[in-house]
Every structure is written in structure tokens, then in C-alpha cells.
Amino acid sequence: MTTGFTHRDDALACEGVPLARIAAEVGTPTYVYSLGAIRASYRAYDHALAGVPHLICASVKANDTLAVLRALVREGSGFDIVSGGELFRALRAGADPRTIVFAGVGKTRDEMAAALDAGILMFNVESPAELEALNAVAGARGRTAPVALRVNPDVDAQTHPYISTGMKKSKFGIDVGAVLEVYARAAALPHVAVVGVDCHIGSQLTSIAPFVDALARVRGLIERLHARGIDPRYLDVGGGLGIAYGEERPPTHAEYGAAVTEAVRGLDVTVLVEPGRSLFGNAGVLLTRVLYVKDGPAKRFVIVDAAMNDLLRPPLYGSYHHIRPVAAPRPGAEQPVDVVGPVCESGDFLAQDRPLPPLAADDLLAVMSAGAYGFVMASNYNSRPRPAVVLVDGDRWDVIRARESLEDLVRGESIPPGLV
């Protein structure tokens, strides 16, 4: 269930602000985030990990809006980044670079140089080739690169295969059977300092067991590293705690924190966690308006002004997002409909065969649990401007990202002289 969103006077509101008011003033489609819900989730993590030294590094790839990142900076958050663009965003939002961790399998040399110059906490290195490249870049800049190696523990996260990252067939990390040799190489490199161990098995975890299994394997690795005279100061346990999109029952923050605390007992490390979906997912909705209701020979279609370019998760992953009318539902029995957008693809849907109450043109709908991996994955496919983004804090709301204009669609493009 999406937190921060309740019914007020039979209409859906974000904290103290009716969603219909936002739609009337900003238009649709529009993403709406609850600042209170984001803060509450961050503080729940902080409380759950109070028994161990820790740093919460919010996952920028899940929600990279500057205002949201700034709010987390004020909470004391660090950040997990996977690109030079995300480094730029985190720094622009005021993040302390000493709280930034750089992950990802394909860091470029320019990105490495920018992160070294900024003075980030550490690089999570994912291959021997990347390690050698980072050593060379650091040497050329007269710096030492702080690194952790990302260990692939070969643990099934029991989640969607596209977001499972800890098995042998995954592109992520270094196989647990080979990582000791790579650590030995890292310790011998002149421009690298081994400071940590990293493990991330996937996203949308709805069971604590795979996570505990992975941490047990990582604990054994750390003990073997100690025996070789390598003493990591940081253990990055990744993120991945799931949320309830529908009927899922993911672990609570407290259960997650207890598992981490037990797993690191006696290791003398600072724990880094990288929450994303569980920080932002249930703190946001996508507001959309019904354009038409169309009856086909086999299905009824509710055509809305939001599309797959606005929210890619349903067609990409087959993901479920609860859809709720913003106003009190019209009287009448629910019936199955496909909620689809204007994009010219059969895969352009937000829901299929979804029981919904009677709907008509101009009705407002809220696509729930859309605060993570929503706007960040939006595109301009079919030359559609990306949506506006609104942040609500109590009774106050602000547009924190303006809706793109048609001019924005062609910004940076030019017609060469030979075609004028």
C-alpha cells in the first residue's frame, strides 16, 4: 500500500493535498511524491540499524530528482550511484562526496576521474579489468582509489530475473570462488586501497532468507581476507528490500535490520545499505486522466494520457501497480479492463484485465507505488514530453520538475547546412 496517500472527503490526497487539486493546476500525467513517506522510510532504516555503525546510501537510480536527493541529504543520507550523471546530481543536491559509493559494471575512465576528483567514499569494483583501469586512472591523477570488490555469491534472490543480480549467470560482480585472487591483486596495486566488500543480490526481495544466505557467504569471505592481512572497513550489503505493490509481504525494516546486525556481529565493519525501491516506491503515484473508454470485441480499454514512456515497469517487467480512482468510485460493479496509453505499441499498458469500477472520460486515476523506477525510466518515445513532478510536504506542494515542453524535445538538435 502506498504510504502518504489517504482519502479526504471521499477523494484521494497526498498528505494534506487533494490529488485533484494538483491535477487541475499542473495537468496530467504527473508524478506526485510524499516527502513525509520518504523521510519515514529513511528513518525506519536508520532506527533498524542503530545497533551497528552504518551509513544509508540512497540509490539514486531509483529516484534521482534533485529535491528528493536534497531532502535525504538533510536527513544525513549518503548515496549509491552508477554513473557520472548520478554523481553530478548527488553533488548538485549537496551530498558530501565522502558518503558516495560508485557501483556499476561499466564505469568509464572519465567517470572514474570525476569521482576521484570529487573524493567519494569508495568504488564498488565489478571486474579485474575495471580494477586495472581504475588503478591507471588514479595513478595518472596522483590519487589513490578506495575500492570494495563486488562479490557475486551465487544466491537466488527469488525475484524477477531482470532485477536478480547475485547469481553466476549475472553480469554483476566477481564470482565468490575467484574473488580472493582479485583481492590479492587489488592489495598489490600502487594506486588502489582496499577498504571494503560489496554484495548485492537483487531488487524487490520479499524474503529475508536469500539475503541472510548471501551475507553468510560474505562473512566467510571477510574472515578469509583477515587471514591474508586484508582488513576491510566497510561492508556494503546492497539494497533490494521489496515493497508491497499488490499482495507481497516483504520483510519489515526491523526484520531487515536484525538480519544485518546479526550477520556482521564481531566483524568490526561499518555497514553500508543502498535502499531505493523501499525508500521511494510507495511514496509516489503517477496521476493520469482518462481520455476514452473503448469497447472492443474481446476487451474494454480505458485509454489514459499516461503511457509506457511515462511508466515502463508494467510492460518491461509485467509489474503490478494498483490503480485507484482519485474521486469516489462511480456506482456500479467492477469489470476487467486494460488500462492503456496513447503510445503506438501493443505493449503500452499500465494494467491488463484489471477489475475497476465504471470509468468515463476525464476521470482521474492514480497509479500507485510509482515513486521508484518510475520517472527515472521515462523517455520521449513517440515524441512525448516527460511528465511534471510534484513534491508534497504536509499541506504544501511544489513542482520540483516542470513538465517538458515541445521545445525541450528538440533541444540540442540541429539541421546541417546542407539540408537548410
Foldseek 3Di string as FASTA:
>chain_A
DFPQWDDDPQFIARFQGQPVVVCVVANDFEKEFELVLLVVLVVLLCVLQVVFFAAEAAECLFPLQLVSLLSVVVVVHHHEEAALVSVVSNVVSPHQQQRYEYEYADYDLVSLLVSQVSPHNAYAYADLVVLVSSLVSQVVVVAAGEYAYEEQDQFALPDFPVFFARHPPHPGTDYLVCVVVSVVVQVPRPRYDYAEYEYDGGAQRQDCVSLLVSLLSVLVVQVVCVVVVRQHQEYESEEHFHDPQDPGHHDDSNVNSVSVCVSCPPNNHYYYYHYYLSSFQSRMKTKWFFAAWDDDPVFIEGEIADKCLQFVCCLVRVDHWDKDFRHNADDDFWFFHWYAYDAPDPSITRDGRDTDGDDGGGTMMIGGRQGTNGRSNHDCVVNNWHHWYKYDYNNDIDTSGHTDDSVNSCPPHDDDPVVD
